[in-house]
Structure formats: C-alpha cells, structure tokens
C-alpha cells in the first residue's frame, strides 16, 4: 500500500539501482509521476545523506519538474480530451 512518502522515480547510476522511489527527485505535488532516472554523474556509493544535499540531485529535480510541466502543457493544447481525463483524476494533487 502506498503511503505519502512512497513516491518518486527510481534512481539508477550506470545501470545500477541506487534507490527506488527517490522522493528527492520530485516535489510532493508531483507524487503521481512514475518513472526511471538514469545518470552517469553520481558515484555508485552515494549515501542517503549525500543524496539529499547533492547539487546534481537539485539540478535533476529542476529538469524533471520543467519537463513534466512542459509535457502537461503540450497535452493541454494538443490533446485536450486526454488532458481533461488526466485532470479529472489528479485535480486535487495539482491544486496543492
């Protein structure tokens, strides 16, 4: 069962799973997004404490949020019917 803290994409470094549900990569209001993030730039032995304070993680988060918002905007303008269905399912979360 999913909890409030149980969200985020899986983080891989050089095809090695570092952390499942890496909530540091997305803000709470994008908790419905699922996926995988692959990066060659992090060390394989990164700890959870370093993961929280890493500048590269902040940059990845910023890029992910920007790309998700661009995709939502695209679907709003180009694929209105699917976006309306999406919005009806996730309106409460998006209003946060």
PDB file of N, CA and C in Angstrom:
ATOM      1  N   UNK A   1       0.839  -1.182   0.000  1.00  0.00           N
ATOM      2  CA  UNK A   1       0.000   0.000   0.000  1.00  0.00           C
ATOM      3  C   UNK A   1       0.882   1.243   0.000  1.00  0.00           C
ATOM      4  N   UNK A   2       0.495   2.219  -0.774  1.00  0.00           N
ATOM      5  CA  UNK A   2       1.296   3.427  -0.943  1.00  0.00           C
ATOM      6  C   UNK A   2       1.035   4.415   0.188  1.00  0.00           C
ATOM      7  N   UNK A   3       2.105   4.965   0.744  1.00  0.00           N
ATOM      8  CA  UNK A   3       1.990   5.983   1.777  1.00  0.00           C
ATOM      9  C   UNK A   3       2.332   7.332   1.176  1.00  0.00           C
ATOM     10  N   UNK A   4       2.190   8.377   1.975  1.00  0.00           N
ATOM     11  CA  UNK A   4       2.502   9.728   1.499  1.00  0.00           C
ATOM     12  C   UNK A   4       3.963   9.867   1.083  1.00  0.00           C
ATOM     13  N   UNK A   5       4.875   9.157   1.753  1.00  0.00           N
ATOM     14  CA  UNK A   5       6.297   9.262   1.442  1.00  0.00           C
ATOM     15  C   UNK A   5       6.747   8.240   0.405  1.00  0.00           C
ATOM     16  N   UNK A   6       5.824   7.478  -0.129  1.00  0.00           N
ATOM     17  CA  UNK A   6       6.134   6.402  -1.049  1.00  0.00           C
ATOM     18  C   UNK A   6       5.907   6.862  -2.487  1.00  0.00           C
ATOM     19  N   UNK A   7       6.781   7.739  -2.983  1.00  0.00           N
ATOM     20  CA  UNK A   7       6.643   8.257  -4.339  1.00  0.00           C
ATOM     21  C   UNK A   7       8.014   8.578  -4.898  1.00  0.00           C
ATOM     22  N   UNK A   8       8.040   8.862  -6.175  1.00  0.00           N
ATOM     23  CA  UNK A   8       9.278   9.269  -6.839  1.00  0.00           C
ATOM     24  C   UNK A   8       9.768   8.221  -7.806  1.00  0.00           C
ATOM     25  N   UNK A   9      10.552   8.656  -8.772  1.00  0.00           N
ATOM     26  CA  UNK A   9      11.114   7.721  -9.746  1.00  0.00           C
ATOM     27  C   UNK A   9      12.263   6.914  -9.152  1.00  0.00           C
ATOM     28  N   UNK A  10      12.593   5.823  -9.800  1.00  0.00           N
ATOM     29  CA  UNK A  10      13.750   5.030  -9.397  1.00  0.00           C
ATOM     30  C   UNK A  10      15.003   5.719  -9.919  1.00  0.00           C
ATOM     31  N   UNK A  11      16.054   5.737  -9.112  1.00  0.00           N
ATOM     32  CA  UNK A  11      17.315   6.378  -9.485  1.00  0.00           C
ATOM     33  C   UNK A  11      18.353   5.313  -9.791  1.00  0.00           C
ATOM     34  N   UNK A  12      18.897   5.385 -10.996  1.00  0.00           N
ATOM     35  CA  UNK A  12      19.951   4.468 -11.432  1.00  0.00           C
ATOM     36  C   UNK A  12      21.199   5.266 -11.757  1.00  0.00           C
ATOM     37  N   UNK A  13      22.352   4.695 -11.428  1.00  0.00           N
ATOM     38  CA  UNK A  13      23.644   5.256 -11.822  1.00  0.00           C
ATOM     39  C   UNK A  13      24.386   4.160 -12.553  1.00  0.00           C
ATOM     40  N   UNK A  14      24.693   4.404 -13.802  1.00  0.00           N
ATOM     41  CA  UNK A  14      25.406   3.447 -14.656  1.00  0.00           C
ATOM     42  C   UNK A  14      24.725   2.076 -14.617  1.00  0.00           C
ATOM     43  N   UNK A  15      23.408   2.060 -14.800  1.00  0.00           N
ATOM     44  CA  UNK A  15      22.580   0.853 -14.825  1.00  0.00           C
ATOM     45  C   UNK A  15      22.530   0.096 -13.496  1.00  0.00           C
ATOM     46  N   UNK A  16      22.878   0.745 -12.405  1.00  0.00           N
ATOM     47  CA  UNK A  16      22.803   0.139 -11.076  1.00  0.00           C
ATOM     48  C   UNK A  16      21.755   0.900 -10.279  1.00  0.00           C
ATOM     49  N   UNK A  17      20.789   0.166  -9.728  1.00  0.00           N
ATOM     50  CA  UNK A  17      19.747   0.796  -8.937  1.00  0.00           C
ATOM     51  C   UNK A  17      20.340   1.358  -7.657  1.00  0.00           C
ATOM     52  N   UNK A  18      20.175   2.664  -7.456  1.00  0.00           N
ATOM     53  CA  UNK A  18      20.651   3.320  -6.250  1.00  0.00           C
ATOM     54  C   UNK A  18      19.531   3.417  -5.228  1.00  0.00           C
ATOM     55  N   UNK A  19      18.341   3.824  -5.695  1.00  0.00           N
ATOM     56  CA  UNK A  19      17.226   3.977  -4.772  1.00  0.00           C
ATOM     57  C   UNK A  19      15.914   3.892  -5.537  1.00  0.00           C
ATOM     58  N   UNK A  20      15.011   3.055  -5.057  1.00  0.00           N
ATOM     59  CA  UNK A  20      13.653   3.035  -5.587  1.00  0.00           C
ATOM     60  C   UNK A  20      12.873   4.137  -4.900  1.00  0.00           C
ATOM     61  N   UNK A  21      11.920   4.694  -5.602  1.00  0.00           N
ATOM     62  CA  UNK A  21      11.056   5.744  -5.071  1.00  0.00           C
ATOM     63  C   UNK A  21      11.897   6.859  -4.425  1.00  0.00           C
ATOM     64  N   UNK A  22      12.721   7.477  -5.239  1.00  0.00           N
ATOM     65  CA  UNK A  22      13.623   8.537  -4.796  1.00  0.00           C
ATOM     66  C   UNK A  22      12.847   9.860  -4.723  1.00  0.00           C
ATOM     67  N   UNK A  23      12.256  10.126  -3.570  1.00  0.00           N
ATOM     68  CA  UNK A  23      11.401  11.306  -3.419  1.00  0.00           C
ATOM     69  C   UNK A  23      12.189  12.617  -3.483  1.00  0.00           C
ATOM     70  N   UNK A  24      13.503  12.554  -3.415  1.00  0.00           N
ATOM     71  CA  UNK A  24      14.325  13.754  -3.548  1.00  0.00           C
ATOM     72  C   UNK A  24      14.301  14.308  -4.970  1.00  0.00           C
ATOM     73  N   UNK A  25      13.875  13.488  -5.936  1.00  0.00           N
ATOM     74  CA  UNK A  25      13.891  13.913  -7.336  1.00  0.00           C
ATOM     75  C   UNK A  25      12.642  14.668  -7.768  1.00  0.00           C
ATOM     76  N   UNK A  26      11.561  14.582  -6.995  1.00  0.00           N
ATOM     77  CA  UNK A  26      10.323  15.273  -7.352  1.00  0.00           C
ATOM     78  C   UNK A  26       9.694  15.898  -6.124  1.00  0.00           C
ATOM     79  N   UNK A  27       9.054  17.046  -6.300  1.00  0.00           N
ATOM     80  CA  UNK A  27       8.329  17.632  -5.171  1.00  0.00           C
ATOM     81  C   UNK A  27       7.083  16.815  -4.843  1.00  0.00           C
ATOM     82  N   UNK A  28       6.557  16.993  -3.656  1.00  0.00           N
ATOM     83  CA  UNK A  28       5.397  16.246  -3.176  1.00  0.00           C
ATOM     84  C   UNK A  28       4.203  16.363  -4.124  1.00  0.00           C
ATOM     85  N   UNK A  29       3.999  17.530  -4.716  1.00  0.00           N
ATOM     86  CA  UNK A  29       2.821  17.729  -5.565  1.00  0.00           C
ATOM     87  C   UNK A  29       2.907  17.003  -6.903  1.00  0.00           C
ATOM     88  N   UNK A  30       4.052  16.409  -7.223  1.00  0.00           N
ATOM     89  CA  UNK A  30       4.184  15.569  -8.419  1.00  0.00           C
ATOM     90  C   UNK A  30       4.323  14.098  -8.035  1.00  0.00           C
ATOM     91  N   UNK A  31       3.744  13.728  -6.918  1.00  0.00           N
ATOM     92  CA  UNK A  31       3.892  12.367  -6.411  1.00  0.00           C
ATOM     93  C   UNK A  31       3.210  11.308  -7.283  1.00  0.00           C
ATOM     94  N   UNK A  32       2.381  11.695  -8.211  1.00  0.00           N
ATOM     95  CA  UNK A  32       1.720  10.745  -9.103  1.00  0.00           C
ATOM     96  C   UNK A  32       2.624  10.310 -10.252  1.00  0.00           C
ATOM     97  N   UNK A  33       3.756  10.960 -10.446  1.00  0.00           N
ATOM     98  CA  UNK A  33       4.657  10.652 -11.566  1.00  0.00           C
ATOM     99  C   UNK A  33       5.490   9.420 -11.227  1.00  0.00           C
ATOM    100  N   UNK A  34       5.524   8.491 -12.160  1.00  0.00           N
ATOM    101  CA  UNK A  34       6.321   7.273 -12.025  1.00  0.00           C
ATOM    102  C   UNK A  34       7.375   7.287 -13.123  1.00  0.00           C
ATOM    103  N   UNK A  35       8.480   6.606 -12.899  1.00  0.00           N
ATOM    104  CA  UNK A  35       9.482   6.529 -13.946  1.00  0.00           C
ATOM    105  C   UNK A  35      10.843   6.116 -13.432  1.00  0.00           C
ATOM    106  N   UNK A  36      11.825   6.303 -14.296  1.00  0.00           N
ATOM    107  CA  UNK A  36      13.208   5.938 -14.008  1.00  0.00           C
ATOM    108  C   UNK A  36      14.095   7.100 -14.411  1.00  0.00           C
ATOM    109  N   UNK A  37      15.079   7.403 -13.577  1.00  0.00           N
ATOM    110  CA  UNK A  37      16.087   8.413 -13.895  1.00  0.00           C
ATOM    111  C   UNK A  37      17.436   7.711 -13.904  1.00  0.00           C
ATOM    112  N   UNK A  38      18.129   7.846 -15.014  1.00  0.00           N
ATOM    113  CA  UNK A  38      19.458   7.258 -15.177  1.00  0.00           C
ATOM    114  C   UNK A  38      20.455   8.395 -15.304  1.00  0.00           C
ATOM    115  N   UNK A  39      21.507   8.361 -14.498  1.00  0.00           N
ATOM    116  CA  UNK A  39      22.544   9.381 -14.579  1.00  0.00           C
ATOM    117  C   UNK A  39      23.917   8.741 -14.414  1.00  0.00           C
ATOM    118  N   UNK A  40      24.881   9.138 -15.216  1.00  0.00           N
ATOM    119  CA  UNK A  40      26.239   8.619 -15.053  1.00  0.00           C
ATOM    120  C   UNK A  40      27.087   9.505 -14.128  1.00  0.00           C
ATOM    121  N   UNK A  41      26.506  10.604 -13.634  1.00  0.00           N
ATOM    122  CA  UNK A  41      27.301  11.616 -12.946  1.00  0.00           C
ATOM    123  C   UNK A  41      27.422  11.430 -11.432  1.00  0.00           C
ATOM    124  N   UNK A  42      26.635  10.562 -10.836  1.00  0.00           N
ATOM    125  CA  UNK A  42      26.711  10.337  -9.393  1.00  0.00           C
ATOM    126  C   UNK A  42      27.631   9.155  -9.107  1.00  0.00           C
ATOM    127  N   UNK A  43      28.294   9.159  -7.953  1.00  0.00           N
ATOM    128  CA  UNK A  43      29.097   7.988  -7.595  1.00  0.00           C
ATOM    129  C   UNK A  43      28.195   6.815  -7.218  1.00  0.00           C
ATOM    130  N   UNK A  44      28.653   5.608  -7.448  1.00  0.00           N
ATOM    131  CA  UNK A  44      27.854   4.422  -7.142  1.00  0.00           C
ATOM    132  C   UNK A  44      27.633   4.227  -5.645  1.00  0.00           C
ATOM    133  N   UNK A  45      28.527   4.735  -4.829  1.00  0.00           N
ATOM    134  CA  UNK A  45      28.425   4.530  -3.389  1.00  0.00           C
ATOM    135  C   UNK A  45      27.832   5.746  -2.674  1.00  0.00           C
ATOM    136  N   UNK A  46      26.903   6.427  -3.293  1.00  0.00           N
ATOM    137  CA  UNK A  46      26.313   7.624  -2.700  1.00  0.00           C
ATOM    138  C   UNK A  46      25.406   7.228  -1.532  1.00  0.00           C
ATOM    139  N   UNK A  47      25.508   7.970  -0.441  1.00  0.00           N
ATOM    140  CA  UNK A  47      24.675   7.676   0.726  1.00  0.00           C
ATOM    141  C   UNK A  47      23.401   8.504   0.676  1.00  0.00           C
ATOM    142  N   UNK A  48      22.433   8.143   1.490  1.00  0.00           N
ATOM    143  CA  UNK A  48      21.167   8.873   1.503  1.00  0.00           C
ATOM    144  C   UNK A  48      21.355  10.309   1.985  1.00  0.00           C
ATOM    145  N   UNK A  49      22.280  10.539   2.897  1.00  0.00           N
ATOM    146  CA  UNK A  49      22.524  11.894   3.386  1.00  0.00           C
ATOM    147  C   UNK A  49      23.117  12.766   2.286  1.00  0.00           C
ATOM    148  N   UNK A  50      24.070  12.220   1.552  1.00  0.00           N
ATOM    149  CA  UNK A  50      24.685  12.957   0.452  1.00  0.00           C
ATOM    150  C   UNK A  50      23.652  13.179  -0.656  1.00  0.00           C
ATOM    151  N   UNK A  51      22.794  12.198  -0.871  1.00  0.00           N
ATOM    152  CA  UNK A  51      21.763  12.292  -1.889  1.00  0.00           C
ATOM    153  C   UNK A  51      20.841  13.479  -1.632  1.00  0.00           C
ATOM    154  N   UNK A  52      20.539  13.756  -0.376  1.00  0.00           N
ATOM    155  CA  UNK A  52      19.645  14.850  -0.030  1.00  0.00           C
ATOM    156  C   UNK A  52      20.294  16.218  -0.240  1.00  0.00           C
ATOM    157  N   UNK A  53      21.614  16.309  -0.097  1.00  0.00           N
ATOM    158  CA  UNK A  53      22.305  17.593  -0.168  1.00  0.00           C
ATOM    159  C   UNK A  53      23.117  17.777  -1.451  1.00  0.00           C
ATOM    160  N   UNK A  54      22.924  16.935  -2.423  1.00  0.00           N
ATOM    161  CA  UNK A  54      23.728  16.970  -3.635  1.00  0.00           C
ATOM    162  C   UNK A  54      23.172  17.993  -4.623  1.00  0.00           C
ATOM    163  N   UNK A  55      24.049  18.836  -5.160  1.00  0.00           N
ATOM    164  CA  UNK A  55      23.640  19.862  -6.124  1.00  0.00           C
ATOM    165  C   UNK A  55      23.158  19.236  -7.430  1.00  0.00           C
ATOM    166  N   UNK A  56      23.722  18.108  -7.824  1.00  0.00           N
ATOM    167  CA  UNK A  56      23.293  17.438  -9.045  1.00  0.00           C
ATOM    168  C   UNK A  56      21.862  16.923  -8.900  1.00  0.00           C
ATOM    169  N   UNK A  57      21.503  16.439  -7.735  1.00  0.00           N
ATOM    170  CA  UNK A  57      20.134  15.978  -7.491  1.00  0.00           C
ATOM    171  C   UNK A  57      19.166  17.151  -7.629  1.00  0.00           C
ATOM    172  N   UNK A  58      19.543  18.314  -7.116  1.00  0.00           N
ATOM    173  CA  UNK A  58      18.697  19.509  -7.253  1.00  0.00           C
ATOM    174  C   UNK A  58      18.532  19.889  -8.721  1.00  0.00           C
ATOM    175  N   UNK A  59      19.601  19.771  -9.493  1.00  0.00           N
ATOM    176  CA  UNK A  59      19.526  20.082 -10.927  1.00  0.00           C
ATOM    177  C   UNK A  59      18.645  19.072 -11.661  1.00  0.00           C
ATOM    178  N   UNK A  60      18.766  17.798 -11.308  1.00  0.00           N
ATOM    179  CA  UNK A  60      17.920  16.762 -11.911  1.00  0.00           C
ATOM    180  C   UNK A  60      16.461  17.030 -11.567  1.00  0.00           C
ATOM    181  N   UNK A  61      16.194  17.377 -10.312  1.00  0.00           N
ATOM    182  CA  UNK A  61      14.820  17.673  -9.894  1.00  0.00           C
ATOM    183  C   UNK A  61      14.258  18.843 -10.701  1.00  0.00           C
ATOM    184  N   UNK A  62      15.030  19.883 -10.838  1.00  0.00           N
ATOM    185  CA  UNK A  62      14.596  21.050 -11.597  1.00  0.00           C
ATOM    186  C   UNK A  62      14.284  20.689 -13.044  1.00  0.00           C
ATOM    187  N   UNK A  63      15.150  19.898 -13.662  1.00  0.00           N
ATOM    188  CA  UNK A  63      14.939  19.479 -15.048  1.00  0.00           C
ATOM    189  C   UNK A  63      13.705  18.590 -15.186  1.00  0.00           C
ATOM    190  N   UNK A  64      13.503  17.686 -14.233  1.00  0.00           N
ATOM    191  CA  UNK A  64      12.339  16.802 -14.268  1.00  0.00           C
ATOM    192  C   UNK A  64      11.040  17.593 -14.147  1.00  0.00           C
ATOM    193  N   UNK A  65      10.999  18.511 -13.205  1.00  0.00           N
ATOM    194  CA  UNK A  65       9.783  19.314 -12.998  1.00  0.00           C
ATOM    195  C   UNK A  65       9.490  20.128 -14.255  1.00  0.00           C
ATOM    196  N   UNK A  66      10.516  20.737 -14.823  1.00  0.00           N
ATOM    197  CA  UNK A  66      10.335  21.532 -16.034  1.00  0.00           C
ATOM    198  C   UNK A  66       9.802  20.671 -17.172  1.00  0.00           C
ATOM    199  N   UNK A  67      10.353  19.487 -17.364  1.00  0.00           N
ATOM    200  CA  UNK A  67       9.928  18.602 -18.438  1.00  0.00           C
ATOM    201  C   UNK A  67       8.502  18.104 -18.204  1.00  0.00           C
ATOM    202  N   UNK A  68       8.147  17.781 -16.986  1.00  0.00           N
ATOM    203  CA  UNK A  68       6.788  17.316 -16.673  1.00  0.00           C
ATOM    204  C   UNK A  68       5.787  18.427 -16.960  1.00  0.00           C
ATOM    205  N   UNK A  69       6.102  19.647 -16.542  1.00  0.00           N
ATOM    206  CA  UNK A  69       5.190  20.766 -16.786  1.00  0.00           C
ATOM    207  C   UNK A  69       5.066  21.073 -18.281  1.00  0.00           C
ATOM    208  N   UNK A  70       6.163  20.970 -19.026  1.00  0.00           N
ATOM    209  CA  UNK A  70       6.108  21.156 -20.480  1.00  0.00           C
ATOM    210  C   UNK A  70       5.222  20.096 -21.133  1.00  0.00           C
ATOM    211  N   UNK A  71       5.335  18.863 -20.666  1.00  0.00           N
ATOM    212  CA  UNK A  71       4.517  17.778 -21.210  1.00  0.00           C
ATOM    213  C   UNK A  71       3.044  17.991 -20.904  1.00  0.00           C
ATOM    214  N   UNK A  72       2.738  18.414 -19.679  1.00  0.00           N
ATOM    215  CA  UNK A  72       1.349  18.695 -19.324  1.00  0.00           C
ATOM    216  C   UNK A  72       0.791  19.848 -20.169  1.00  0.00           C
ATOM    217  N   UNK A  73       1.600  20.871 -20.381  1.00  0.00           N
ATOM    218  CA  UNK A  73       1.165  21.998 -21.200  1.00  0.00           C
ATOM    219  C   UNK A  73       0.927  21.558 -22.643  1.00  0.00           C
ATOM    220  N   UNK A  74       1.802  20.719 -23.160  1.00  0.00           N
ATOM    221  CA  UNK A  74       1.634  20.199 -24.518  1.00  0.00           C
ATOM    222  C   UNK A  74       0.312  19.441 -24.641  1.00  0.00           C
ATOM    223  N   UNK A  75       0.047  18.562 -23.684  1.00  0.00           N
ATOM    224  CA  UNK A  75      -1.192  17.783 -23.737  1.00  0.00           C
ATOM    225  C   UNK A  75      -2.421  18.671 -23.547  1.00  0.00           C
ATOM    226  N   UNK A  76      -2.286  19.722 -22.789  1.00  0.00           N
ATOM    227  CA  UNK A  76      -3.398  20.657 -22.620  1.00  0.00           C
ATOM    228  C   UNK A  76      -3.760  21.309 -23.951  1.00  0.00           C
ATOM    229  N   UNK A  77      -2.754  21.677 -24.742  1.00  0.00           N
ATOM    230  CA  UNK A  77      -3.023  22.375 -26.004  1.00  0.00           C
ATOM    231  C   UNK A  77      -3.250  21.430 -27.179  1.00  0.00           C
ATOM    232  N   UNK A  78      -2.576  20.284 -27.211  1.00  0.00           N
ATOM    233  CA  UNK A  78      -2.630  19.398 -28.377  1.00  0.00           C
ATOM    234  C   UNK A  78      -3.559  18.202 -28.219  1.00  0.00           C
ATOM    235  N   UNK A  79      -3.773  17.764 -27.002  1.00  0.00           N
ATOM    236  CA  UNK A  79      -4.535  16.537 -26.766  1.00  0.00           C
ATOM    237  C   UNK A  79      -5.514  16.802 -25.629  1.00  0.00           C
ATOM    238  N   UNK A  80      -6.439  17.696 -25.858  1.00  0.00           N
ATOM    239  CA  UNK A  80      -7.312  18.226 -24.820  1.00  0.00           C
ATOM    240  C   UNK A  80      -8.153  17.149 -24.138  1.00  0.00           C
ATOM    241  N   UNK A  81      -8.669  16.207 -24.895  1.00  0.00           N
ATOM    242  CA  UNK A  81      -9.534  15.177 -24.311  1.00  0.00           C
ATOM    243  C   UNK A  81      -8.766  14.330 -23.290  1.00  0.00           C
ATOM    244  N   UNK A  82      -7.571  13.888 -23.649  1.00  0.00           N
ATOM    245  CA  UNK A  82      -6.764  13.107 -22.707  1.00  0.00           C
ATOM    246  C   UNK A  82      -6.354  13.943 -21.506  1.00  0.00           C
ATOM    247  N   UNK A  83      -6.046  15.213 -21.731  1.00  0.00           N
ATOM    248  CA  UNK A  83      -5.665  16.071 -20.618  1.00  0.00           C
ATOM    249  C   UNK A  83      -6.838  16.261 -19.655  1.00  0.00           C
ATOM    250  N   UNK A  84      -8.043  16.410 -20.187  1.00  0.00           N
ATOM    251  CA  UNK A  84      -9.209  16.580 -19.310  1.00  0.00           C
ATOM    252  C   UNK A  84      -9.432  15.343 -18.453  1.00  0.00           C
ATOM    253  N   UNK A  85      -9.232  14.173 -19.019  1.00  0.00           N
ATOM    254  CA  UNK A  85      -9.339  12.935 -18.245  1.00  0.00           C
ATOM    255  C   UNK A  85      -8.258  12.888 -17.164  1.00  0.00           C
ATOM    256  N   UNK A  86      -7.032  13.225 -17.560  1.00  0.00           N
ATOM    257  CA  UNK A  86      -5.931  13.282 -16.595  1.00  0.00           C
ATOM    258  C   UNK A  86      -6.249  14.269 -15.479  1.00  0.00           C
ATOM    259  N   UNK A  87      -6.720  15.454 -15.844  1.00  0.00           N
ATOM    260  CA  UNK A  87      -7.009  16.495 -14.862  1.00  0.00           C
ATOM    261  C   UNK A  87      -8.110  16.067 -13.902  1.00  0.00           C
ATOM    262  N   UNK A  88      -9.112  15.387 -14.402  1.00  0.00           N
ATOM    263  CA  UNK A  88     -10.191  14.941 -13.516  1.00  0.00           C
ATOM    264  C   UNK A  88      -9.689  13.912 -12.506  1.00  0.00           C
ATOM    265  N   UNK A  89      -8.685  13.129 -12.879  1.00  0.00           N
ATOM    266  CA  UNK A  89      -8.121  12.131 -11.962  1.00  0.00           C
ATOM    267  C   UNK A  89      -7.149  12.725 -10.949  1.00  0.00           C
ATOM    268  N   UNK A  90      -6.430  13.772 -11.335  1.00  0.00           N
ATOM    269  CA  UNK A  90      -5.355  14.305 -10.495  1.00  0.00           C
ATOM    270  C   UNK A  90      -5.550  15.763 -10.091  1.00  0.00           C
ATOM    271  N   UNK A  91      -6.750  16.288 -10.206  1.00  0.00           N
ATOM    272  CA  UNK A  91      -7.010  17.698  -9.915  1.00  0.00           C
ATOM    273  C   UNK A  91      -6.658  18.066  -8.477  1.00  0.00           C
ATOM    274  N   UNK A  92      -7.001  17.218  -7.531  1.00  0.00           N
ATOM    275  CA  UNK A  92      -6.709  17.516  -6.123  1.00  0.00           C
ATOM    276  C   UNK A  92      -5.216  17.659  -5.872  1.00  0.00           C
ATOM    277  N   UNK A  93      -4.436  16.766  -6.440  1.00  0.00           N
ATOM    278  CA  UNK A  93      -2.993  16.826  -6.261  1.00  0.00           C
ATOM    279  C   UNK A  93      -2.410  18.058  -6.936  1.00  0.00           C
ATOM    280  N   UNK A  94      -2.868  18.371  -8.144  1.00  0.00           N
ATOM    281  CA  UNK A  94      -2.344  19.524  -8.876  1.00  0.00           C
ATOM    282  C   UNK A  94      -2.693  20.842  -8.197  1.00  0.00           C
ATOM    283  N   UNK A  95      -3.801  20.893  -7.492  1.00  0.00           N
ATOM    284  CA  UNK A  95      -4.202  22.125  -6.817  1.00  0.00           C
ATOM    285  C   UNK A  95      -3.356  22.422  -5.590  1.00  0.00           C
ATOM    286  N   UNK A  96      -2.603  21.444  -5.124  1.00  0.00           N
ATOM    287  CA  UNK A  96      -1.721  21.679  -3.994  1.00  0.00           C
ATOM    288  C   UNK A  96      -0.702  22.732  -4.342  1.00  0.00           C
TER     289      UNK A  96
END
